[in-house]
Amino acid sequence: MKVGIIGCGNIADTYFQSQNLYNNINIISCADIINEAAEKSAKEHGVKVQSVEDLLTNKDIELILNLTIPSSHREIIQKTLVSGKHSFSEKPLAMNFQEGLELKKLSYEKGLQVGCAPDTFLGAAGQKARQLIDENKIGKVSLGTFNMMSHGMEHWHPNPDFFFKPGAGPIFDVGVYYITQLVNLLGPVENIISVSGTAEQERTITSEPRYGEKIKVETPTTLMAVLEFANKTKIQLFAS
């Protein structure tokens, strides 16, 4: 399958390198609103540079890999489907549940596939855990907890602004890996009790090249919740 990438930020290299592990995908083109980023990726990985619009209409491309910032995901996925191409996107799929449903409806209408990270639950550890639960090797799972804590992305990412805007934050950016794994193991969530907060209204970047620059925090940076699954398992969540 021939693939085009839209969004050539930090995570793009991981996807370019991953194609070497498989024999059924071939990344042939890339685009970014910052043309220098696209040119850098193209030079390093030997692919063609195109504008976003030209990549969307490229008849050779069958699937578009959406690696843009979270607030752009829905728009790019929608344009991908309208262009008659399959889509795989970094998380989140959209900014809210309703937008996600609209993308699902459009994909059905177009007869196209839409996928979204994280897919890590398909790995060996996740599948083994699922097997042990399905075979009742560990008994009934009644209670549990997970904690995800980090100082923040401003100390290592060159452009960390989007981590602190709507569509990101600790749940959409990292916590989603744990929640997806839990849904795979335990089934759907039926009830949620949660609170959130923000300790600092701005962050100071301590990574290069923007060391010392202040950025505004526009989304909660700490969330606490209890998830009750349909099978009545209860999991405590803390993400910050």
Foldseek 3Di string as FASTA:
>chain_A
DEEEEEDQFDCNVVVLVVCVVDDPYDYAEYEYPPQVSRVVVCVVRVHYYDYLVCVLQPPVHAEYEYEHQQACQLVSLVSNLVSLHAYEYEPDNHLDDVSVVVSVVSCVVSVHYYHYDDPCCPDPVNVVLLVCVVVCVPHDAAEEEDEADDPADLAEGADRQSCQARRHAFCRPPVVVVVVSCCSRPNAWDDKDKDFAAPDQWDARCYPDRHGDIYGRHDTRWMWMWTQHPVRHIYTYITD
